[in-house]
Structure formats: structure tokens, C-alpha cells
Amino acid sequence: MRRENASVQGIARQLGVSWKTVWRHVKPVLERRAADESRFTGVTTLGVDEHLWHHVSTKPVEDGGRGPKELTGMVDLTRDASGRVRARLLDLVPGRSAKAYADWLQERGEQFRDQVQIATLDPFAGYKKALDDELDDAVAVLDAFHVVKLGTQAVDEVRRRVQQDTLGHRGRRGDPLYGIRNTLRAGRENLTDRQTQRLADAFAGREEHVEVEVAYECAQKLRDAYRRADLAEGKKIAEQVLDSFPSCPIPEIARLGKTLTRWRDAFLAYWTTGRSSNGGTEAVNGLIELARRVARGFRNYDNYRLRMLLIAGGLDPTTPT
């Protein structure tokens, strides 16, 4: 089940037995491993993210439902001696809130909390509050992927607003800004000469399009900070972003700047912690999605948690995921 990502039903078919027979033997083994607190030893970098584990009613379990759709997942992102990120799922708890994360941290005990030095997260204030309350000595790091995504979203919002202001309708085939919508989401270093020229032509098409051009340049500057090989250079660009974006006359960029300013310390921590990010957490989410598709969904949270801990390495600290 761990190595081949096989479902319980798949194992049952191969053995010629029922689903219940397989699970009756497997579940106690997983429960014993999940209850072993030694699997949390040595976690110095902790990631957190949420995902949906079902798409039906959120009726409480005691009333026959499956409970909250969202689960908060904690992931071990500690690097080994070679610098490789361990990336293994530590636990899944119901809900997406400061309380859900803080309660889990409290349950782990003071020894666990003291060993965590770096905590990565996406821009969700609830998780940040839990970190401030329970891991006040750890360095919070805002995930690079989500920051760049915020910049890309700001460009798209500017493009759609200028489209409405100039033509009075949403983008249609043949509209210059609509034609470059996907190109605006790409990194400048990945563009072909033809795509670069299409951008230049669209920006020059009307005077009002200068807002889209400025927003695009701002988003690219944000990406450049993360792409710099030298951490000091990258941090310097990030500080320039914090100084210039909030006062930008384009409201979407100004709002992005104010958001990053609120997260200033966590935003800049990327360049002071050796590029710590939530990338390993996203990789674990990918394993979870695959396992859920193979099983064609789950109905029981406890079984789901045990299966995901097995698939994503949470029960076997000695084996990298």
C-alpha cells in the first residue's frame, strides 16, 4: 500500500478476500505507528497547508456526516545532511483555523515546539496566529509560490479592470489584452521573441494599457527577487518591493504591497533561512490527491488520516518520501 499506492480494495482483490478483512489487519498496525510520538523527533522545519478531503455535506460525524471538508496538514520539511528536504506528512486535523493548528502544536508538547526553528506557511492569518502563540521562537517564512501567485493575480485583476474601462465588456477573442492573458502569467525569462513582441504591441495599443504594463513589471520584479542566485541581492530586491509597491498609483499593486508589508518579516525570512519554502508541503498534497483518486474517495476521516500518513511517510521517519 505504501510503495505501490494500492487501495485497500485492490489488495483485497489480489488476495481474494473482502475489504474488511484487509483493513482489519492493516488498521491496528497503522494506529500503533500513528500513536508513537517518537516519529515527531528531530523536526526542525515545519510546514502547514490545507486541503479538501471530501466534497459532500459537512454534517457532523455523530449525525452520520463526514464532518468538515477542510483538513489542516502538518509536514516535516527538515533538511538532511545533504540538504535534501525530508517532506513527510506528520498529521491531519479537521478544520482550517488558528485553533486547529494551535491545538495540534499544544498536543505535541513543549519539547516538540522547542525543536522547531523554521515554520513555513501560505498567507493565511489563522496559521500565522497559531505560530505566534505556540512557536514564538521559530522563524515564520511566507511561501514563495503563494507570494508569486499573489503578484500574478494582481496583474490579472488590472488587465480585467482596464479591459472593462476601455471596451466596456469582458475579454473576447480579438481584444488585445485578452489575447495576452496567458502570456502575462509567464515568467519573462521563459518568453519567446514572438511572445515578447505580442506583449509590447498590446501595451502600446492604447494609452490606458500602461497600467497593465506597469503591473506586469511589478510582478516580474517580485519574481526576480526569488530567482536571484545571490540571497543578498534577492533580499535587496524584496526590500525595494516593500518600499515601492504600497505607494503605487495602481490600486491592485498598492493592495499587494500592503499585504506584503503586513507579512514583512515572514516575507523577508525566505532570504535569511536558505530559501525555506512550503514546496515540500505541496508535494505531499500531490501524493494525497493521487491516493484519494486511486481509492475513489473516502467516507471515514480516521481511515483517511491513517491512509494518508502511510502514503506520505508520516509513519516511517527513517524513509524519505
C-alpha atoms as a PDB file:
ATOM      1  CA  MET A   1       0.000   0.000   0.000  1.00  0.00           C
ATOM      2  CA  ARG A   2       2.864   2.380   0.750  1.00  0.00           C
ATOM      3  CA  ARG A   3       5.221   1.502  -2.085  1.00  0.00           C
ATOM      4  CA  GLU A   4       2.694   0.951  -4.877  1.00  0.00           C
ATOM      5  CA  ASN A   5      -0.037   3.344  -3.646  1.00  0.00           C
ATOM      6  CA  ALA A   6      -2.501   0.451  -3.829  1.00  0.00           C
ATOM      7  CA  SER A   7      -6.022   0.811  -2.452  1.00  0.00           C
ATOM      8  CA  VAL A   8      -7.435  -1.499   0.205  1.00  0.00           C
ATOM      9  CA  GLN A   9      -9.920  -2.831  -2.343  1.00  0.00           C
ATOM     10  CA  GLY A  10      -7.076  -3.503  -4.788  1.00  0.00           C
ATOM     11  CA  ILE A  11      -5.191  -5.522  -2.185  1.00  0.00           C
ATOM     12  CA  ALA A  12      -8.396  -7.375  -1.321  1.00  0.00           C
ATOM     13  CA  ARG A  13      -8.916  -8.365  -4.971  1.00  0.00           C
ATOM     14  CA  GLN A  14      -5.372  -9.699  -5.241  1.00  0.00           C
ATOM     15  CA  LEU A  15      -5.726 -11.757  -2.061  1.00  0.00           C
ATOM     16  CA  GLY A  16      -9.235 -12.942  -2.847  1.00  0.00           C
ATOM     17  CA  VAL A  17     -10.679 -11.583   0.405  1.00  0.00           C
ATOM     18  CA  SER A  18     -13.019  -8.764   1.427  1.00  0.00           C
ATOM     19  CA  TRP A  19     -12.150  -5.100   2.049  1.00  0.00           C
ATOM     20  CA  LYS A  20     -12.949  -5.539   5.747  1.00  0.00           C
ATOM     21  CA  THR A  21     -10.562  -8.473   6.065  1.00  0.00           C
ATOM     22  CA  VAL A  22      -7.635  -6.462   4.698  1.00  0.00           C
ATOM     23  CA  TRP A  23      -8.406  -3.350   6.720  1.00  0.00           C
ATOM     24  CA  ARG A  24      -8.924  -5.376   9.930  1.00  0.00           C
ATOM     25  CA  HIS A  25      -5.285  -6.470   9.673  1.00  0.00           C
ATOM     26  CA  VAL A  26      -3.781  -3.203   8.412  1.00  0.00           C
ATOM     27  CA  LYS A  27      -5.545  -0.663  10.643  1.00  0.00           C
ATOM     28  CA  PRO A  28      -4.071  -1.765  14.017  1.00  0.00           C
ATOM     29  CA  VAL A  29      -0.550  -1.569  12.586  1.00  0.00           C
ATOM     30  CA  LEU A  30      -1.123   1.974  11.328  1.00  0.00           C
ATOM     31  CA  GLU A  31      -2.768   3.026  14.595  1.00  0.00           C
ATOM     32  CA  ARG A  32       0.216   1.822  16.642  1.00  0.00           C
ATOM     33  CA  ARG A  33       2.638   3.714  14.430  1.00  0.00           C
ATOM     34  CA  ALA A  34       0.495   6.867  14.450  1.00  0.00           C
ATOM     35  CA  ALA A  35       0.371   6.808  18.264  1.00  0.00           C
ATOM     36  CA  ASP A  36       4.166   6.593  18.526  1.00  0.00           C
ATOM     37  CA  GLU A  37       5.316  10.121  19.440  1.00  0.00           C
ATOM     38  CA  SER A  38       8.919   9.277  18.530  1.00  0.00           C
ATOM     39  CA  ARG A  39       8.035   9.920  14.878  1.00  0.00           C
ATOM     40  CA  PHE A  40       7.977  13.655  15.712  1.00  0.00           C
ATOM     41  CA  THR A  41      11.597  13.632  16.922  1.00  0.00           C
ATOM     42  CA  GLY A  42      14.049  15.812  15.021  1.00  0.00           C
ATOM     43  CA  VAL A  43      11.505  18.051  13.263  1.00  0.00           C
ATOM     44  CA  THR A  44      13.250  21.423  12.949  1.00  0.00           C
ATOM     45  CA  THR A  45      11.322  22.814   9.963  1.00  0.00           C
ATOM     46  CA  LEU A  46       7.542  22.578   9.948  1.00  0.00           C
ATOM     47  CA  GLY A  47       5.177  23.260   7.058  1.00  0.00           C
ATOM     48  CA  VAL A  48       1.403  23.683   7.134  1.00  0.00           C
ATOM     49  CA  ASP A  49      -1.300  23.784   4.472  1.00  0.00           C
ATOM     50  CA  GLU A  50      -4.923  22.809   3.995  1.00  0.00           C
ATOM     51  CA  HIS A  51      -6.773  20.618   1.527  1.00  0.00           C
ATOM     52  CA  LEU A  52     -10.269  19.262   0.922  1.00  0.00           C
ATOM     53  CA  TRP A  53     -10.747  15.587   1.717  1.00  0.00           C
ATOM     54  CA  HIS A  54     -14.369  15.304   0.567  1.00  0.00           C
ATOM     55  CA  HIS A  55     -16.952  17.301  -1.380  1.00  0.00           C
ATOM     56  CA  VAL A  56     -20.236  16.283   0.244  1.00  0.00           C
ATOM     57  CA  SER A  57     -22.241  17.570   3.199  1.00  0.00           C
ATOM     58  CA  THR A  58     -20.372  18.910   6.228  1.00  0.00           C
ATOM     59  CA  LYS A  59     -22.892  17.317   8.577  1.00  0.00           C
ATOM     60  CA  PRO A  60     -21.228  16.278  11.888  1.00  0.00           C
ATOM     61  CA  VAL A  61     -19.874  12.746  12.164  1.00  0.00           C
ATOM     62  CA  GLU A  62     -22.220  11.936  15.040  1.00  0.00           C
ATOM     63  CA  ASP A  63     -25.143  12.747  12.751  1.00  0.00           C
ATOM     64  CA  GLY A  64     -23.917  10.429  10.005  1.00  0.00           C
ATOM     65  CA  GLY A  65     -21.893  13.010   8.064  1.00  0.00           C
ATOM     66  CA  ARG A  66     -18.187  13.272   7.284  1.00  0.00           C
ATOM     67  CA  GLY A  67     -17.507  16.472   9.196  1.00  0.00           C
ATOM     68  CA  PRO A  68     -15.541  19.487   7.897  1.00  0.00           C
ATOM     69  CA  LYS A  69     -14.402  19.356   4.285  1.00  0.00           C
ATOM     70  CA  GLU A  70     -11.094  21.084   5.023  1.00  0.00           C
ATOM     71  CA  LEU A  71      -8.198  19.463   6.840  1.00  0.00           C
ATOM     72  CA  THR A  72      -5.042  21.149   8.093  1.00  0.00           C
ATOM     73  CA  GLY A  73      -1.924  19.140   7.314  1.00  0.00           C
ATOM     74  CA  MET A  74       1.402  19.446   9.124  1.00  0.00           C
ATOM     75  CA  VAL A  75       4.507  18.410   7.186  1.00  0.00           C
ATOM     76  CA  ASP A  76       8.090  17.765   8.250  1.00  0.00           C
ATOM     77  CA  LEU A  77      10.340  19.873   5.983  1.00  0.00           C
ATOM     78  CA  THR A  78      13.594  19.262   7.851  1.00  0.00           C
ATOM     79  CA  ARG A  79      16.697  19.028   5.659  1.00  0.00           C
ATOM     80  CA  ASP A  80      19.089  16.096   5.994  1.00  0.00           C
ATOM     81  CA  ALA A  81      22.883  16.314   5.981  1.00  0.00           C
ATOM     82  CA  SER A  82      22.930  16.606   2.188  1.00  0.00           C
ATOM     83  CA  GLY A  83      20.402  19.445   2.175  1.00  0.00           C
ATOM     84  CA  ARG A  84      17.528  17.324   0.900  1.00  0.00           C
ATOM     85  CA  VAL A  85      14.101  18.144   2.340  1.00  0.00           C
ATOM     86  CA  ARG A  86      12.526  15.206   4.156  1.00  0.00           C
ATOM     87  CA  ALA A  87       8.923  16.167   3.182  1.00  0.00           C
ATOM     88  CA  ARG A  88       6.730  13.741   5.119  1.00  0.00           C
ATOM     89  CA  LEU A  89       3.223  14.201   6.430  1.00  0.00           C
ATOM     90  CA  LEU A  90       3.055  14.411  10.228  1.00  0.00           C
ATOM     91  CA  ASP A  91      -0.677  14.689  10.801  1.00  0.00           C
ATOM     92  CA  LEU A  92      -4.078  15.799   9.508  1.00  0.00           C
ATOM     93  CA  VAL A  93      -6.624  17.550  11.731  1.00  0.00           C
ATOM     94  CA  PRO A  94     -10.177  18.696  10.879  1.00  0.00           C
ATOM     95  CA  GLY A  95     -10.722  22.351  10.042  1.00  0.00           C
ATOM     96  CA  ARG A  96      -8.716  25.270   8.685  1.00  0.00           C
ATOM     97  CA  SER A  97      -8.208  27.731  11.531  1.00  0.00           C
ATOM     98  CA  ALA A  98      -5.771  29.078  14.072  1.00  0.00           C
ATOM     99  CA  LYS A  99      -7.349  26.823  16.692  1.00  0.00           C
ATOM    100  CA  ALA A 100      -6.926  23.657  14.630  1.00  0.00           C
ATOM    101  CA  TYR A 101      -3.208  24.334  14.154  1.00  0.00           C
ATOM    102  CA  ALA A 102      -2.579  25.667  17.682  1.00  0.00           C
ATOM    103  CA  ASP A 103      -4.338  22.722  19.346  1.00  0.00           C
ATOM    104  CA  TRP A 104      -2.166  20.267  17.413  1.00  0.00           C
ATOM    105  CA  LEU A 105       1.007  22.137  18.409  1.00  0.00           C
ATOM    106  CA  GLN A 106      -0.069  22.115  22.053  1.00  0.00           C
ATOM    107  CA  GLU A 107      -0.707  18.373  21.923  1.00  0.00           C
ATOM    108  CA  ARG A 108       2.839  17.743  20.697  1.00  0.00           C
ATOM    109  CA  GLY A 109       4.310  19.167  23.888  1.00  0.00           C
ATOM    110  CA  GLU A 110       6.946  21.706  24.788  1.00  0.00           C
ATOM    111  CA  GLN A 111       9.869  19.554  23.653  1.00  0.00           C
ATOM    112  CA  PHE A 112       8.495  19.351  20.103  1.00  0.00           C
ATOM    113  CA  ARG A 113       7.716  23.073  19.970  1.00  0.00           C
ATOM    114  CA  ASP A 114      11.201  23.985  21.195  1.00  0.00           C
ATOM    115  CA  GLN A 115      12.908  21.947  18.462  1.00  0.00           C
ATOM    116  CA  VAL A 116      11.052  23.697  15.607  1.00  0.00           C
ATOM    117  CA  GLN A 117      13.252  26.506  14.288  1.00  0.00           C
ATOM    118  CA  ILE A 118      11.516  27.378  10.994  1.00  0.00           C
ATOM    119  CA  ALA A 119       7.798  27.314  10.150  1.00  0.00           C
ATOM    120  CA  THR A 120       6.589  27.839   6.576  1.00  0.00           C
ATOM    121  CA  LEU A 121       3.044  28.805   5.627  1.00  0.00           C
ATOM    122  CA  ASP A 122       0.859  30.418   2.973  1.00  0.00           C
ATOM    123  CA  PRO A 123      -0.574  33.936   3.554  1.00  0.00           C
ATOM    124  CA  PHE A 124      -3.334  32.823   5.945  1.00  0.00           C
ATOM    125  CA  ALA A 125      -3.625  34.898   9.115  1.00  0.00           C
ATOM    126  CA  GLY A 126      -5.089  31.988  11.099  1.00  0.00           C
ATOM    127  CA  TYR A 127      -1.966  29.837  10.747  1.00  0.00           C
ATOM    128  CA  LYS A 128       0.244  32.849  11.470  1.00  0.00           C
ATOM    129  CA  LYS A 129      -1.640  33.486  14.729  1.00  0.00           C
ATOM    130  CA  ALA A 130      -1.112  29.888  15.792  1.00  0.00           C
ATOM    131  CA  LEU A 131       2.619  30.211  15.092  1.00  0.00           C
ATOM    132  CA  ASP A 132       2.855  33.459  17.051  1.00  0.00           C
ATOM    133  CA  ASP A 133       1.055  31.874  20.004  1.00  0.00           C
ATOM    134  CA  GLU A 134       2.713  28.461  20.068  1.00  0.00           C
ATOM    135  CA  LEU A 135       6.011  28.801  18.151  1.00  0.00           C
ATOM    136  CA  ASP A 136       7.068  32.318  19.006  1.00  0.00           C
ATOM    137  CA  ASP A 137      10.771  31.384  18.851  1.00  0.00           C
ATOM    138  CA  ALA A 138      10.504  29.865  15.365  1.00  0.00           C
ATOM    139  CA  VAL A 139      11.077  31.916  12.212  1.00  0.00           C
ATOM    140  CA  ALA A 140       7.893  32.141  10.121  1.00  0.00           C
ATOM    141  CA  VAL A 141       8.518  32.018   6.341  1.00  0.00           C
ATOM    142  CA  LEU A 142       5.944  33.066   3.775  1.00  0.00           C
ATOM    143  CA  ASP A 143       5.834  30.546   0.940  1.00  0.00           C
ATOM    144  CA  ALA A 144       7.441  31.803  -2.276  1.00  0.00           C
ATOM    145  CA  PHE A 145       4.918  30.116  -4.582  1.00  0.00           C
ATOM    146  CA  HIS A 146       1.973  31.841  -2.927  1.00  0.00           C
ATOM    147  CA  VAL A 147       3.700  35.236  -2.982  1.00  0.00           C
ATOM    148  CA  VAL A 148       4.419  34.986  -6.707  1.00  0.00           C
ATOM    149  CA  LYS A 149       0.835  33.819  -7.226  1.00  0.00           C
ATOM    150  CA  LEU A 150      -0.429  36.970  -5.489  1.00  0.00           C
ATOM    151  CA  GLY A 151       1.623  39.059  -7.925  1.00  0.00           C
ATOM    152  CA  THR A 152       0.221  37.187 -10.923  1.00  0.00           C
ATOM    153  CA  GLN A 153      -3.336  37.616  -9.618  1.00  0.00           C
ATOM    154  CA  ALA A 154      -2.785  41.354  -9.246  1.00  0.00           C
ATOM    155  CA  VAL A 155      -1.731  41.609 -12.909  1.00  0.00           C
ATOM    156  CA  ASP A 156      -4.819  39.668 -13.989  1.00  0.00           C
ATOM    157  CA  GLU A 157      -7.071  41.950 -11.943  1.00  0.00           C
ATOM    158  CA  VAL A 158      -5.528  45.036 -13.549  1.00  0.00           C
ATOM    159  CA  ARG A 159      -5.908  43.543 -17.022  1.00  0.00           C
ATOM    160  CA  ARG A 160      -9.601  42.755 -16.476  1.00  0.00           C
ATOM    161  CA  ARG A 161     -10.325  46.194 -14.996  1.00  0.00           C
ATOM    162  CA  VAL A 162      -8.606  48.044 -17.856  1.00  0.00           C
ATOM    163  CA  GLN A 163     -10.426  45.787 -20.328  1.00  0.00           C
ATOM    164  CA  GLN A 164     -13.790  46.827 -18.848  1.00  0.00           C
ATOM    165  CA  ASP A 165     -12.843  50.505 -18.647  1.00  0.00           C
ATOM    166  CA  THR A 166     -11.668  50.747 -22.250  1.00  0.00           C
ATOM    167  CA  LEU A 167     -14.038  48.427 -24.124  1.00  0.00           C
ATOM    168  CA  GLY A 168     -16.969  48.093 -21.711  1.00  0.00           C
ATOM    169  CA  HIS A 169     -17.070  44.303 -21.733  1.00  0.00           C
ATOM    170  CA  ARG A 170     -15.178  41.233 -20.629  1.00  0.00           C
ATOM    171  CA  GLY A 171     -12.343  39.951 -22.767  1.00  0.00           C
ATOM    172  CA  ARG A 172     -13.253  38.473 -26.128  1.00  0.00           C
ATOM    173  CA  ARG A 173     -11.337  36.919 -28.961  1.00  0.00           C
ATOM    174  CA  GLY A 174      -9.561  39.672 -30.830  1.00  0.00           C
ATOM    175  CA  ASP A 175      -9.241  42.013 -27.851  1.00  0.00           C
ATOM    176  CA  PRO A 176      -5.542  42.904 -27.390  1.00  0.00           C
ATOM    177  CA  LEU A 177      -5.463  42.438 -23.607  1.00  0.00           C
ATOM    178  CA  TYR A 178      -7.465  39.222 -23.750  1.00  0.00           C
ATOM    179  CA  GLY A 179      -5.025  37.847 -26.294  1.00  0.00           C
ATOM    180  CA  ILE A 180      -2.058  38.167 -23.895  1.00  0.00           C
ATOM    181  CA  ARG A 181      -3.800  36.926 -20.731  1.00  0.00           C
ATOM    182  CA  ASN A 182      -1.773  33.688 -20.568  1.00  0.00           C
ATOM    183  CA  THR A 183       1.493  35.344 -21.580  1.00  0.00           C
ATOM    184  CA  LEU A 184       1.147  37.779 -18.666  1.00  0.00           C
ATOM    185  CA  ARG A 185       1.195  34.829 -16.261  1.00  0.00           C
ATOM    186  CA  ALA A 186       4.518  33.509 -17.559  1.00  0.00           C
ATOM    187  CA  GLY A 187       7.941  34.473 -16.318  1.00  0.00           C
ATOM    188  CA  ARG A 188       9.722  36.974 -18.523  1.00  0.00           C
ATOM    189  CA  GLU A 189      12.732  34.688 -18.854  1.00  0.00           C
ATOM    190  CA  ASN A 190      10.532  31.962 -20.405  1.00  0.00           C
ATOM    191  CA  LEU A 191       9.022  34.078 -23.182  1.00  0.00           C
ATOM    192  CA  THR A 192       9.882  33.608 -26.830  1.00  0.00           C
ATOM    193  CA  ASP A 193      10.722  36.595 -29.027  1.00  0.00           C
ATOM    194  CA  ARG A 194       7.251  36.376 -30.548  1.00  0.00           C
ATOM    195  CA  GLN A 195       5.550  36.451 -27.146  1.00  0.00           C
ATOM    196  CA  THR A 196       7.691  39.380 -26.032  1.00  0.00           C
ATOM    197  CA  GLN A 197       6.678  41.302 -29.152  1.00  0.00           C
ATOM    198  CA  ARG A 198       2.992  40.474 -28.577  1.00  0.00           C
ATOM    199  CA  LEU A 199       3.230  41.962 -25.104  1.00  0.00           C
ATOM    200  CA  ALA A 200       4.911  45.092 -26.415  1.00  0.00           C
ATOM    201  CA  ASP A 201       2.258  45.521 -29.130  1.00  0.00           C
ATOM    202  CA  ALA A 202      -0.596  45.063 -26.642  1.00  0.00           C
ATOM    203  CA  PHE A 203       0.909  47.534 -24.177  1.00  0.00           C
ATOM    204  CA  ALA A 204       1.343  50.120 -26.938  1.00  0.00           C
ATOM    205  CA  GLY A 205      -2.150  49.563 -28.352  1.00  0.00           C
ATOM    206  CA  ARG A 206      -3.827  52.146 -26.125  1.00  0.00           C
ATOM    207  CA  GLU A 207      -2.603  54.694 -23.627  1.00  0.00           C
ATOM    208  CA  GLU A 208      -4.680  53.092 -20.863  1.00  0.00           C
ATOM    209  CA  HIS A 209      -2.766  49.822 -21.267  1.00  0.00           C
ATOM    210  CA  VAL A 210       0.212  51.358 -19.470  1.00  0.00           C
ATOM    211  CA  GLU A 211      -1.373  50.244 -16.185  1.00  0.00           C
ATOM    212  CA  VAL A 212      -1.180  46.626 -17.304  1.00  0.00           C
ATOM    213  CA  GLU A 213       2.430  47.095 -18.362  1.00  0.00           C
ATOM    214  CA  VAL A 214       3.403  48.609 -15.001  1.00  0.00           C
ATOM    215  CA  ALA A 215       1.579  45.845 -13.102  1.00  0.00           C
ATOM    216  CA  TYR A 216       3.366  43.223 -15.208  1.00  0.00           C
ATOM    217  CA  GLU A 217       6.755  44.791 -14.483  1.00  0.00           C
ATOM    218  CA  CYS A 218       5.953  44.832 -10.757  1.00  0.00           C
ATOM    219  CA  ALA A 219       5.033  41.142 -10.780  1.00  0.00           C
ATOM    220  CA  GLN A 220       8.228  40.316 -12.661  1.00  0.00           C
ATOM    221  CA  LYS A 221      10.275  42.270 -10.135  1.00  0.00           C
ATOM    222  CA  LEU A 222       8.711  40.188  -7.385  1.00  0.00           C
ATOM    223  CA  ARG A 223       9.687  37.011  -9.267  1.00  0.00           C
ATOM    224  CA  ASP A 224      13.198  38.347  -9.833  1.00  0.00           C
ATOM    225  CA  ALA A 225      13.733  38.588  -6.076  1.00  0.00           C
ATOM    226  CA  TYR A 226      13.181  34.837  -5.746  1.00  0.00           C
ATOM    227  CA  ARG A 227      15.214  33.972  -8.844  1.00  0.00           C
ATOM    228  CA  ARG A 228      18.419  35.716  -7.792  1.00  0.00           C
ATOM    229  CA  ALA A 229      21.212  33.222  -7.166  1.00  0.00           C
ATOM    230  CA  ASP A 230      22.698  35.509  -4.545  1.00  0.00           C
ATOM    231  CA  LEU A 231      20.473  35.681  -1.461  1.00  0.00           C
ATOM    232  CA  ALA A 232      21.671  39.173  -0.531  1.00  0.00           C
ATOM    233  CA  GLU A 233      20.723  40.505  -3.972  1.00  0.00           C
ATOM    234  CA  GLY A 234      17.343  38.805  -3.786  1.00  0.00           C
ATOM    235  CA  LYS A 235      16.615  40.278  -0.371  1.00  0.00           C
ATOM    236  CA  LYS A 236      17.601  43.733  -1.598  1.00  0.00           C
ATOM    237  CA  ILE A 237      15.056  43.483  -4.437  1.00  0.00           C
ATOM    238  CA  ALA A 238      12.425  42.226  -1.974  1.00  0.00           C
ATOM    239  CA  GLU A 239      13.037  45.265   0.237  1.00  0.00           C
ATOM    240  CA  GLN A 240      12.624  47.509  -2.810  1.00  0.00           C
ATOM    241  CA  VAL A 241       9.280  45.809  -3.447  1.00  0.00           C
ATOM    242  CA  LEU A 242       8.166  46.551   0.112  1.00  0.00           C
ATOM    243  CA  ASP A 243       9.253  50.193  -0.214  1.00  0.00           C
ATOM    244  CA  SER A 244       7.647  50.894  -3.608  1.00  0.00           C
ATOM    245  CA  PHE A 245       4.518  48.738  -4.034  1.00  0.00           C
ATOM    246  CA  PRO A 246       2.331  50.273  -1.273  1.00  0.00           C
ATOM    247  CA  SER A 247       2.590  53.750  -2.838  1.00  0.00           C
ATOM    248  CA  CYS A 248       1.937  52.576  -6.410  1.00  0.00           C
ATOM    249  CA  PRO A 249      -0.919  54.531  -8.081  1.00  0.00           C
ATOM    250  CA  ILE A 250      -2.327  51.252  -9.432  1.00  0.00           C
ATOM    251  CA  PRO A 251      -4.709  50.117  -6.658  1.00  0.00           C
ATOM    252  CA  GLU A 252      -4.182  46.377  -7.188  1.00  0.00           C
ATOM    253  CA  ILE A 253      -0.397  46.711  -6.845  1.00  0.00           C
ATOM    254  CA  ALA A 254      -0.762  49.027  -3.847  1.00  0.00           C
ATOM    255  CA  ARG A 255      -3.000  46.428  -2.173  1.00  0.00           C
ATOM    256  CA  LEU A 256      -0.416  43.726  -2.869  1.00  0.00           C
ATOM    257  CA  GLY A 257       2.267  45.955  -1.367  1.00  0.00           C
ATOM    258  CA  LYS A 258       0.231  46.499   1.790  1.00  0.00           C
ATOM    259  CA  THR A 259      -0.342  42.751   2.101  1.00  0.00           C
ATOM    260  CA  LEU A 260       3.383  42.036   1.832  1.00  0.00           C
ATOM    261  CA  THR A 261       4.126  44.827   4.310  1.00  0.00           C
ATOM    262  CA  ARG A 262       1.840  43.175   6.865  1.00  0.00           C
ATOM    263  CA  TRP A 263       3.829  39.968   6.332  1.00  0.00           C
ATOM    264  CA  ARG A 264       7.172  41.800   6.095  1.00  0.00           C
ATOM    265  CA  ASP A 265       9.221  39.622   8.462  1.00  0.00           C
ATOM    266  CA  ALA A 266       7.806  36.341   7.122  1.00  0.00           C
ATOM    267  CA  PHE A 267       8.250  37.579   3.532  1.00  0.00           C
ATOM    268  CA  LEU A 268      11.919  38.524   4.008  1.00  0.00           C
ATOM    269  CA  ALA A 269      12.661  35.361   6.013  1.00  0.00           C
ATOM    270  CA  TYR A 270      12.902  33.413   2.741  1.00  0.00           C
ATOM    271  CA  TRP A 271      16.299  35.025   2.107  1.00  0.00           C
ATOM    272  CA  THR A 272      17.580  34.582   5.668  1.00  0.00           C
ATOM    273  CA  THR A 273      16.669  30.902   6.082  1.00  0.00           C
ATOM    274  CA  GLY A 274      18.355  29.471   2.996  1.00  0.00           C
ATOM    275  CA  ARG A 275      15.261  29.590   0.760  1.00  0.00           C
ATOM    276  CA  SER A 276      12.886  27.758   3.097  1.00  0.00           C
ATOM    277  CA  SER A 277       9.506  27.251   1.458  1.00  0.00           C
ATOM    278  CA  ASN A 278       6.311  25.235   1.576  1.00  0.00           C
ATOM    279  CA  GLY A 279       7.243  23.344  -1.595  1.00  0.00           C
ATOM    280  CA  GLY A 280       7.560  20.028   0.230  1.00  0.00           C
ATOM    281  CA  THR A 281       4.098  20.539   1.684  1.00  0.00           C
ATOM    282  CA  GLU A 282       2.658  20.996  -1.806  1.00  0.00           C
ATOM    283  CA  ALA A 283       4.444  17.807  -2.887  1.00  0.00           C
ATOM    284  CA  VAL A 284       2.805  15.916  -0.021  1.00  0.00           C
ATOM    285  CA  ASN A 285      -0.567  17.336  -1.076  1.00  0.00           C
ATOM    286  CA  GLY A 286       0.096  15.883  -4.517  1.00  0.00           C
ATOM    287  CA  LEU A 287       0.619  12.417  -3.004  1.00  0.00           C
ATOM    288  CA  ILE A 288      -2.615  12.819  -1.046  1.00  0.00           C
ATOM    289  CA  GLU A 289      -4.576  13.787  -4.155  1.00  0.00           C
ATOM    290  CA  LEU A 290      -3.229  10.748  -6.012  1.00  0.00           C
ATOM    291  CA  ALA A 291      -4.113   8.375  -3.158  1.00  0.00           C
ATOM    292  CA  ARG A 292      -7.629   9.809  -2.931  1.00  0.00           C
ATOM    293  CA  ARG A 293      -8.178   9.316  -6.661  1.00  0.00           C
ATOM    294  CA  VAL A 294      -6.897   5.737  -6.519  1.00  0.00           C
ATOM    295  CA  ALA A 295      -9.305   4.956  -3.686  1.00  0.00           C
ATOM    296  CA  ARG A 296     -12.126   6.892  -5.422  1.00  0.00           C
ATOM    297  CA  GLY A 297     -12.728   8.927  -2.285  1.00  0.00           C
ATOM    298  CA  PHE A 298     -13.059   8.256   1.430  1.00  0.00           C
ATOM    299  CA  ARG A 299     -16.017   8.267   3.806  1.00  0.00           C
ATOM    300  CA  ASN A 300     -14.288   7.868   7.172  1.00  0.00           C
ATOM    301  CA  TYR A 301     -11.914  10.574   8.461  1.00  0.00           C
ATOM    302  CA  ASP A 302      -9.978   8.254  10.795  1.00  0.00           C
ATOM    303  CA  ASN A 303      -9.299   5.773   7.986  1.00  0.00           C
ATOM    304  CA  TYR A 304      -8.403   8.633   5.642  1.00  0.00           C
ATOM    305  CA  ARG A 305      -5.886  10.073   8.123  1.00  0.00           C
ATOM    306  CA  LEU A 306      -4.173   6.706   8.625  1.00  0.00           C
ATOM    307  CA  ARG A 307      -4.006   6.011   4.886  1.00  0.00           C
ATOM    308  CA  MET A 308      -2.528   9.433   4.119  1.00  0.00           C
ATOM    309  CA  LEU A 309       0.037   9.118   6.918  1.00  0.00           C
ATOM    310  CA  LEU A 310       1.077   5.790   5.398  1.00  0.00           C
ATOM    311  CA  ILE A 311       1.261   7.080   1.824  1.00  0.00           C
ATOM    312  CA  ALA A 312       3.075  10.329   2.701  1.00  0.00           C
ATOM    313  CA  GLY A 313       5.692   8.843   5.032  1.00  0.00           C
ATOM    314  CA  GLY A 314       4.385  10.095   8.348  1.00  0.00           C
ATOM    315  CA  LEU A 315       4.580   6.662   9.960  1.00  0.00           C
ATOM    316  CA  ASP A 316       8.103   5.854   8.793  1.00  0.00           C
ATOM    317  CA  PRO A 317      10.564   8.642   9.735  1.00  0.00           C
ATOM    318  CA  THR A 318      13.610   6.711   8.520  1.00  0.00           C
ATOM    319  CA  THR A 319      12.472   6.526   4.894  1.00  0.00           C
ATOM    320  CA  PRO A 320      12.373   9.762   2.812  1.00  0.00           C
ATOM    321  CA  THR A 321       9.150  10.334   0.874  1.00  0.00           C
END
